[in-house]
Amino acid sequence: MYIPLIPLKNYKKIYTMFIKERYTMDFQRAQQIFNSTKSITVFHKGESIWIERLDPNTQTAYVRTLSGEKTIPVSELQEVH
């Protein structure tokens, strides 16, 4: 399968072209991803993220991105299949 290279500056605009299925995440799924030994692709507003920790009280995730670290609602995360 051939996947064309995408310039990084255009990545956020067109990444959805290659995503077949996306959904809004719930806290339980975020915990499964966080505890998984597999690498699972997760996005927040078009940016790839890495979950550092989860807060069940506020239903938020502390995440790391290429642009820094931030706390966001788990419901804003999208898993890519």
PDB file of N, CA and C in Angstrom:
ATOM      1  N   MET A   1       0.843  -1.177   0.000  1.00  0.00           N
ATOM      2  CA  MET A   1       0.000   0.000   0.000  1.00  0.00           C
ATOM      3  C   MET A   1       0.883   1.233   0.000  1.00  0.00           C
ATOM      4  N   TYR A   2       0.604   2.164  -0.869  1.00  0.00           N
ATOM      5  CA  TYR A   2       1.366   3.400  -0.967  1.00  0.00           C
ATOM      6  C   TYR A   2       0.632   4.521  -0.251  1.00  0.00           C
ATOM      7  N   ILE A   3       1.316   5.162   0.667  1.00  0.00           N
ATOM      8  CA  ILE A   3       0.756   6.329   1.346  1.00  0.00           C
ATOM      9  C   ILE A   3       1.684   7.494   1.054  1.00  0.00           C
ATOM     10  N   PRO A   4       1.179   8.533   0.410  1.00  0.00           N
ATOM     11  CA  PRO A   4       2.041   9.659   0.056  1.00  0.00           C
ATOM     12  C   PRO A   4       2.527  10.395   1.298  1.00  0.00           C
ATOM     13  N   LEU A   5       3.729  10.953   1.208  1.00  0.00           N
ATOM     14  CA  LEU A   5       4.255  11.766   2.298  1.00  0.00           C
ATOM     15  C   LEU A   5       3.525  13.098   2.320  1.00  0.00           C
ATOM     16  N   ILE A   6       3.216  13.560   3.509  1.00  0.00           N
ATOM     17  CA  ILE A   6       2.469  14.804   3.675  1.00  0.00           C
ATOM     18  C   ILE A   6       3.369  15.819   4.354  1.00  0.00           C
ATOM     19  N   PRO A   7       3.531  17.004   3.772  1.00  0.00           N
ATOM     20  CA  PRO A   7       4.319  18.029   4.458  1.00  0.00           C
ATOM     21  C   PRO A   7       3.727  18.307   5.832  1.00  0.00           C
ATOM     22  N   LEU A   8       4.592  18.439   6.831  1.00  0.00           N
ATOM     23  CA  LEU A   8       4.134  18.617   8.205  1.00  0.00           C
ATOM     24  C   LEU A   8       3.190  19.798   8.355  1.00  0.00           C
ATOM     25  N   LYS A   9       3.428  20.887   7.637  1.00  0.00           N
ATOM     26  CA  LYS A   9       2.571  22.068   7.778  1.00  0.00           C
ATOM     27  C   LYS A   9       1.139  21.799   7.309  1.00  0.00           C
ATOM     28  N   ASN A  10       0.936  20.827   6.424  1.00  0.00           N
ATOM     29  CA  ASN A  10      -0.398  20.497   5.918  1.00  0.00           C
ATOM     30  C   ASN A  10      -1.036  19.322   6.650  1.00  0.00           C
ATOM     31  N   TYR A  11      -0.310  18.718   7.552  1.00  0.00           N
ATOM     32  CA  TYR A  11      -0.771  17.487   8.188  1.00  0.00           C
ATOM     33  C   TYR A  11      -2.095  17.653   8.910  1.00  0.00           C
ATOM     34  N   LYS A  12      -2.243  18.702   9.714  1.00  0.00           N
ATOM     35  CA  LYS A  12      -3.472  18.889  10.474  1.00  0.00           C
ATOM     36  C   LYS A  12      -4.684  19.048   9.564  1.00  0.00           C
ATOM     37  N   LYS A  13      -4.495  19.642   8.400  1.00  0.00           N
ATOM     38  CA  LYS A  13      -5.612  19.900   7.493  1.00  0.00           C
ATOM     39  C   LYS A  13      -6.099  18.634   6.807  1.00  0.00           C
ATOM     40  N   ILE A  14      -5.193  17.732   6.510  1.00  0.00           N
ATOM     41  CA  ILE A  14      -5.597  16.602   5.676  1.00  0.00           C
ATOM     42  C   ILE A  14      -5.424  15.235   6.327  1.00  0.00           C
ATOM     43  N   TYR A  15      -5.101  15.207   7.628  1.00  0.00           N
ATOM     44  CA  TYR A  15      -4.901  13.903   8.255  1.00  0.00           C
ATOM     45  C   TYR A  15      -6.160  13.050   8.217  1.00  0.00           C
ATOM     46  N   THR A  16      -7.332  13.660   8.189  1.00  0.00           N
ATOM     47  CA  THR A  16      -8.574  12.887   8.189  1.00  0.00           C
ATOM     48  C   THR A  16      -8.780  12.115   6.885  1.00  0.00           C
ATOM     49  N   MET A  17      -8.057  12.463   5.836  1.00  0.00           N
ATOM     50  CA  MET A  17      -8.177  11.728   4.576  1.00  0.00           C
ATOM     51  C   MET A  17      -7.830  10.252   4.769  1.00  0.00           C
ATOM     52  N   PHE A  18      -6.958   9.949   5.709  1.00  0.00           N
ATOM     53  CA  PHE A  18      -6.464   8.591   5.886  1.00  0.00           C
ATOM     54  C   PHE A  18      -7.074   7.892   7.093  1.00  0.00           C
ATOM     55  N   ILE A  19      -8.015   8.533   7.745  1.00  0.00           N
ATOM     56  CA  ILE A  19      -8.642   7.955   8.927  1.00  0.00           C
ATOM     57  C   ILE A  19     -10.002   7.390   8.540  1.00  0.00           C
ATOM     58  N   LYS A  20     -10.182   6.101   8.710  1.00  0.00           N
ATOM     59  CA  LYS A  20     -11.441   5.469   8.322  1.00  0.00           C
ATOM     60  C   LYS A  20     -12.499   5.597   9.406  1.00  0.00           C
ATOM     61  N   GLU A  21     -12.079   5.584  10.651  1.00  0.00           N
ATOM     62  CA  GLU A  21     -13.055   5.603  11.737  1.00  0.00           C
ATOM     63  C   GLU A  21     -12.476   6.404  12.898  1.00  0.00           C
ATOM     64  N   ARG A  22     -13.282   7.341  13.426  1.00  0.00           N
ATOM     65  CA  ARG A  22     -12.893   8.124  14.593  1.00  0.00           C
ATOM     66  C   ARG A  22     -14.096   8.205  15.511  1.00  0.00           C
ATOM     67  N   TYR A  23     -13.847   8.369  16.777  1.00  0.00           N
ATOM     68  CA  TYR A  23     -14.952   8.572  17.693  1.00  0.00           C
ATOM     69  C   TYR A  23     -14.474   9.352  18.902  1.00  0.00           C
ATOM     70  N   THR A  24     -15.436   9.945  19.606  1.00  0.00           N
ATOM     71  CA  THR A  24     -15.128  10.664  20.828  1.00  0.00           C
ATOM     72  C   THR A  24     -14.849   9.654  21.926  1.00  0.00           C
ATOM     73  N   MET A  25     -13.800   9.883  22.667  1.00  0.00           N
ATOM     74  CA  MET A  25     -13.359   8.917  23.662  1.00  0.00           C
ATOM     75  C   MET A  25     -14.076   9.086  25.000  1.00  0.00           C
ATOM     76  N   ASP A  26     -14.273   7.958  25.684  1.00  0.00           N
ATOM     77  CA  ASP A  26     -14.770   8.020  27.057  1.00  0.00           C
ATOM     78  C   ASP A  26     -13.601   7.703  27.997  1.00  0.00           C
ATOM     79  N   PHE A  27     -13.796   7.966  29.280  1.00  0.00           N
ATOM     80  CA  PHE A  27     -12.702   7.830  30.238  1.00  0.00           C
ATOM     81  C   PHE A  27     -12.195   6.394  30.342  1.00  0.00           C
ATOM     82  N   GLN A  28     -13.099   5.432  30.282  1.00  0.00           N
ATOM     83  CA  GLN A  28     -12.697   4.023  30.369  1.00  0.00           C
ATOM     84  C   GLN A  28     -11.754   3.650  29.224  1.00  0.00           C
ATOM     85  N   ARG A  29     -12.065   4.099  28.015  1.00  0.00           N
ATOM     86  CA  ARG A  29     -11.198   3.788  26.870  1.00  0.00           C
ATOM     87  C   ARG A  29      -9.852   4.492  27.013  1.00  0.00           C
ATOM     88  N   ALA A  30      -9.855   5.706  27.517  1.00  0.00           N
ATOM     89  CA  ALA A  30      -8.595   6.417  27.738  1.00  0.00           C
ATOM     90  C   ALA A  30      -7.714   5.637  28.717  1.00  0.00           C
ATOM     91  N   GLN A  31      -8.316   5.063  29.752  1.00  0.00           N
ATOM     92  CA  GLN A  31      -7.566   4.246  30.711  1.00  0.00           C
ATOM     93  C   GLN A  31      -6.998   2.997  30.041  1.00  0.00           C
ATOM     94  N   GLN A  32      -7.784   2.370  29.171  1.00  0.00           N
ATOM     95  CA  GLN A  32      -7.307   1.186  28.458  1.00  0.00           C
ATOM     96  C   GLN A  32      -6.105   1.530  27.585  1.00  0.00           C
ATOM     97  N   ILE A  33      -6.188   2.649  26.895  1.00  0.00           N
ATOM     98  CA  ILE A  33      -5.079   3.080  26.041  1.00  0.00           C
ATOM     99  C   ILE A  33      -3.852   3.388  26.892  1.00  0.00           C
ATOM    100  N   PHE A  34      -4.053   4.111  27.978  1.00  0.00           N
ATOM    101  CA  PHE A  34      -2.955   4.488  28.868  1.00  0.00           C
ATOM    102  C   PHE A  34      -2.244   3.254  29.426  1.00  0.00           C
ATOM    103  N   ASN A  35      -2.996   2.217  29.766  1.00  0.00           N
ATOM    104  CA  ASN A  35      -2.423   1.004  30.355  1.00  0.00           C
ATOM    105  C   ASN A  35      -1.958  -0.024  29.325  1.00  0.00           C
ATOM    106  N   SER A  36      -2.211   0.224  28.054  1.00  0.00           N
ATOM    107  CA  SER A  36      -1.868  -0.726  27.008  1.00  0.00           C
ATOM    108  C   SER A  36      -0.360  -0.778  26.760  1.00  0.00           C
ATOM    109  N   THR A  37       0.111  -1.958  26.395  1.00  0.00           N
ATOM    110  CA  THR A  37       1.514  -2.099  26.000  1.00  0.00           C
ATOM    111  C   THR A  37       1.695  -1.787  24.520  1.00  0.00           C
ATOM    112  N   LYS A  38       0.587  -1.676  23.801  1.00  0.00           N
ATOM    113  CA  LYS A  38       0.624  -1.359  22.375  1.00  0.00           C
ATOM    114  C   LYS A  38       0.654   0.152  22.164  1.00  0.00           C
ATOM    115  N   SER A  39       1.121   0.551  21.007  1.00  0.00           N
ATOM    116  CA  SER A  39       1.084   1.958  20.621  1.00  0.00           C
ATOM    117  C   SER A  39      -0.248   2.218  19.912  1.00  0.00           C
ATOM    118  N   ILE A  40      -1.069   3.071  20.494  1.00  0.00           N
ATOM    119  CA  ILE A  40      -2.387   3.379  19.941  1.00  0.00           C
ATOM    120  C   ILE A  40      -2.413   4.858  19.586  1.00  0.00           C
ATOM    121  N   THR A  41      -2.771   5.159  18.351  1.00  0.00           N
ATOM    122  CA  THR A  41      -2.761   6.536  17.870  1.00  0.00           C
ATOM    123  C   THR A  41      -3.964   7.296  18.397  1.00  0.00           C
ATOM    124  N   VAL A  42      -3.684   8.432  19.038  1.00  0.00           N
ATOM    125  CA  VAL A  42      -4.728   9.289  19.593  1.00  0.00           C
ATOM    126  C   VAL A  42      -4.443  10.725  19.171  1.00  0.00           C
ATOM    127  N   PHE A  43      -5.508  11.439  18.801  1.00  0.00           N
ATOM    128  CA  PHE A  43      -5.388  12.834  18.382  1.00  0.00           C
ATOM    129  C   PHE A  43      -6.224  13.741  19.269  1.00  0.00           C
ATOM    130  N   HIS A  44      -5.791  14.987  19.348  1.00  0.00           N
ATOM    131  CA  HIS A  44      -6.588  16.054  19.955  1.00  0.00           C
ATOM    132  C   HIS A  44      -6.569  17.217  18.977  1.00  0.00           C
ATOM    133  N   LYS A  45      -7.716  17.508  18.398  1.00  0.00           N
ATOM    134  CA  LYS A  45      -7.863  18.598  17.428  1.00  0.00           C
ATOM    135  C   LYS A  45      -6.816  18.516  16.319  1.00  0.00           C
ATOM    136  N   GLY A  46      -6.632  17.317  15.789  1.00  0.00           N
ATOM    137  CA  GLY A  46      -5.739  17.123  14.657  1.00  0.00           C
ATOM    138  C   GLY A  46      -4.280  16.961  15.009  1.00  0.00           C
ATOM    139  N   GLU A  47      -3.946  16.989  16.280  1.00  0.00           N
ATOM    140  CA  GLU A  47      -2.556  16.873  16.708  1.00  0.00           C
ATOM    141  C   GLU A  47      -2.365  15.548  17.447  1.00  0.00           C
ATOM    142  N   SER A  48      -1.351  14.800  17.061  1.00  0.00           N
ATOM    143  CA  SER A  48      -1.054  13.542  17.723  1.00  0.00           C
ATOM    144  C   SER A  48      -0.619  13.818  19.160  1.00  0.00           C
ATOM    145  N   ILE A  49      -1.151  13.027  20.106  1.00  0.00           N
ATOM    146  CA  ILE A  49      -0.826  13.252  21.516  1.00  0.00           C
ATOM    147  C   ILE A  49      -0.368  11.954  22.172  1.00  0.00           C
ATOM    148  N   TRP A  50       0.291  12.101  23.322  1.00  0.00           N
ATOM    149  CA  TRP A  50       0.687  10.981  24.163  1.00  0.00           C
ATOM    150  C   TRP A  50       0.087  11.227  25.535  1.00  0.00           C
ATOM    151  N   ILE A  51      -0.690  10.287  26.050  1.00  0.00           N
ATOM    152  CA  ILE A  51      -1.325  10.450  27.358  1.00  0.00           C
ATOM    153  C   ILE A  51      -0.294  10.182  28.453  1.00  0.00           C
ATOM    154  N   GLU A  52      -0.056  11.179  29.291  1.00  0.00           N
ATOM    155  CA  GLU A  52       0.892  11.053  30.399  1.00  0.00           C
ATOM    156  C   GLU A  52       0.213  10.571  31.677  1.00  0.00           C
ATOM    157  N   ARG A  53      -0.982  11.100  31.964  1.00  0.00           N
ATOM    158  CA  ARG A  53      -1.749  10.643  33.133  1.00  0.00           C
ATOM    159  C   ARG A  53      -3.208  11.048  32.972  1.00  0.00           C
ATOM    160  N   LEU A  54      -4.064  10.405  33.765  1.00  0.00           N
ATOM    161  CA  LEU A  54      -5.507  10.638  33.704  1.00  0.00           C
ATOM    162  C   LEU A  54      -6.030  11.012  35.083  1.00  0.00           C
ATOM    163  N   ASP A  55      -7.034  11.889  35.114  1.00  0.00           N
ATOM    164  CA  ASP A  55      -7.673  12.286  36.370  1.00  0.00           C
ATOM    165  C   ASP A  55      -9.142  11.874  36.317  1.00  0.00           C
ATOM    166  N   PRO A  56      -9.522  10.823  37.061  1.00  0.00           N
ATOM    167  CA  PRO A  56     -10.912  10.358  37.013  1.00  0.00           C
ATOM    168  C   PRO A  56     -11.904  11.348  37.612  1.00  0.00           C
ATOM    169  N   ASN A  57     -11.457  12.191  38.536  1.00  0.00           N
ATOM    170  CA  ASN A  57     -12.360  13.161  39.167  1.00  0.00           C
ATOM    171  C   ASN A  57     -12.818  14.241  38.194  1.00  0.00           C
ATOM    172  N   THR A  58     -11.900  14.692  37.349  1.00  0.00           N
ATOM    173  CA  THR A  58     -12.235  15.758  36.394  1.00  0.00           C
ATOM    174  C   THR A  58     -12.441  15.234  34.979  1.00  0.00           C
ATOM    175  N   GLN A  59     -12.208  13.911  34.791  1.00  0.00           N
ATOM    176  CA  GLN A  59     -12.342  13.289  33.464  1.00  0.00           C
ATOM    177  C   GLN A  59     -11.433  13.984  32.446  1.00  0.00           C
ATOM    178  N   THR A  60     -10.204  14.285  32.879  1.00  0.00           N
ATOM    179  CA  THR A  60      -9.239  14.957  32.015  1.00  0.00           C
ATOM    180  C   THR A  60      -7.986  14.107  31.844  1.00  0.00           C
ATOM    181  N   ALA A  61      -7.245  14.444  30.803  1.00  0.00           N
ATOM    182  CA  ALA A  61      -5.975  13.780  30.521  1.00  0.00           C
ATOM    183  C   ALA A  61      -4.883  14.834  30.454  1.00  0.00           C
ATOM    184  N   TYR A  62      -3.760  14.540  31.078  1.00  0.00           N
ATOM    185  CA  TYR A  62      -2.578  15.377  30.944  1.00  0.00           C
ATOM    186  C   TYR A  62      -1.802  14.762  29.794  1.00  0.00           C
ATOM    187  N   VAL A  63      -1.618  15.510  28.714  1.00  0.00           N
ATOM    188  CA  VAL A  63      -1.033  14.950  27.498  1.00  0.00           C
ATOM    189  C   VAL A  63       0.205  15.717  27.072  1.00  0.00           C
ATOM    190  N   ARG A  64       1.027  15.022  26.295  1.00  0.00           N
ATOM    191  CA  ARG A  64       2.225  15.622  25.705  1.00  0.00           C
ATOM    192  C   ARG A  64       2.022  15.657  24.189  1.00  0.00           C
ATOM    193  N   THR A  65       2.370  16.790  23.604  1.00  0.00           N
ATOM    194  CA  THR A  65       2.298  16.959  22.152  1.00  0.00           C
ATOM    195  C   THR A  65       3.643  17.467  21.663  1.00  0.00           C
ATOM    196  N   LEU A  66       3.778  17.617  20.370  1.00  0.00           N
ATOM    197  CA  LEU A  66       5.006  18.206  19.834  1.00  0.00           C
ATOM    198  C   LEU A  66       5.157  19.661  20.260  1.00  0.00           C
ATOM    199  N   SER A  67       4.035  20.312  20.535  1.00  0.00           N
ATOM    200  CA  SER A  67       4.076  21.729  20.909  1.00  0.00           C
ATOM    201  C   SER A  67       4.099  21.957  22.418  1.00  0.00           C
ATOM    202  N   GLY A  68       4.060  20.896  23.212  1.00  0.00           N
ATOM    203  CA  GLY A  68       4.124  21.070  24.658  1.00  0.00           C
ATOM    204  C   GLY A  68       3.210  20.119  25.404  1.00  0.00           C
ATOM    205  N   GLU A  69       2.906  20.496  26.644  1.00  0.00           N
ATOM    206  CA  GLU A  69       2.058  19.678  27.504  1.00  0.00           C
ATOM    207  C   GLU A  69       0.816  20.462  27.881  1.00  0.00           C
ATOM    208  N   LYS A  70      -0.302  19.742  28.074  1.00  0.00           N
ATOM    209  CA  LYS A  70      -1.541  20.408  28.462  1.00  0.00           C
ATOM    210  C   LYS A  70      -2.509  19.409  29.065  1.00  0.00           C
ATOM    211  N   THR A  71      -3.509  19.931  29.765  1.00  0.00           N
ATOM    212  CA  THR A  71      -4.580  19.120  30.328  1.00  0.00           C
ATOM    213  C   THR A  71      -5.842  19.383  29.523  1.00  0.00           C
ATOM    214  N   ILE A  72      -6.480  18.301  29.066  1.00  0.00           N
ATOM    215  CA  ILE A  72      -7.664  18.442  28.218  1.00  0.00           C
ATOM    216  C   ILE A  72      -8.734  17.440  28.645  1.00  0.00           C
ATOM    217  N   PRO A  73      -9.999  17.726  28.347  1.00  0.00           N
ATOM    218  CA  PRO A  73     -11.062  16.756  28.633  1.00  0.00           C
ATOM    219  C   PRO A  73     -10.878  15.492  27.787  1.00  0.00           C
ATOM    220  N   VAL A  74     -11.052  14.345  28.397  1.00  0.00           N
ATOM    221  CA  VAL A  74     -10.918  13.073  27.684  1.00  0.00           C
ATOM    222  C   VAL A  74     -11.893  13.008  26.513  1.00  0.00           C
ATOM    223  N   SER A  75     -13.046  13.617  26.650  1.00  0.00           N
ATOM    224  CA  SER A  75     -14.057  13.580  25.586  1.00  0.00           C
ATOM    225  C   SER A  75     -13.594  14.266  24.303  1.00  0.00           C
ATOM    226  N   GLU A  76     -12.527  15.063  24.363  1.00  0.00           N
ATOM    227  CA  GLU A  76     -12.002  15.728  23.168  1.00  0.00           C
ATOM    228  C   GLU A  76     -10.966  14.880  22.438  1.00  0.00           C
ATOM    229  N   LEU A  77     -10.600  13.739  22.997  1.00  0.00           N
ATOM    230  CA  LEU A  77      -9.614  12.867  22.363  1.00  0.00           C
ATOM    231  C   LEU A  77     -10.285  12.001  21.309  1.00  0.00           C
ATOM    232  N   GLN A  78      -9.528  11.670  20.277  1.00  0.00           N
ATOM    233  CA  GLN A  78     -10.037  10.800  19.218  1.00  0.00           C
ATOM    234  C   GLN A  78      -9.031   9.699  18.955  1.00  0.00           C
ATOM    235  N   GLU A  79      -9.514   8.467  19.005  1.00  0.00           N
ATOM    236  CA  GLU A  79      -8.683   7.309  18.695  1.00  0.00           C
ATOM    237  C   GLU A  79      -8.793   7.018  17.210  1.00  0.00           C
ATOM    238  N   VAL A  80      -7.669   6.656  16.612  1.00  0.00           N
ATOM    239  CA  VAL A  80      -7.646   6.338  15.191  1.00  0.00           C
ATOM    240  C   VAL A  80      -7.539   4.828  15.028  1.00  0.00           C
ATOM    241  N   HIS A  81      -8.425   4.263  14.203  1.00  0.00           N
ATOM    242  CA  HIS A  81      -8.413   2.816  13.926  1.00  0.00           C
ATOM    243  C   HIS A  81      -7.848   2.586  12.550  1.00  0.00           C
TER     244      HIS A  81
END
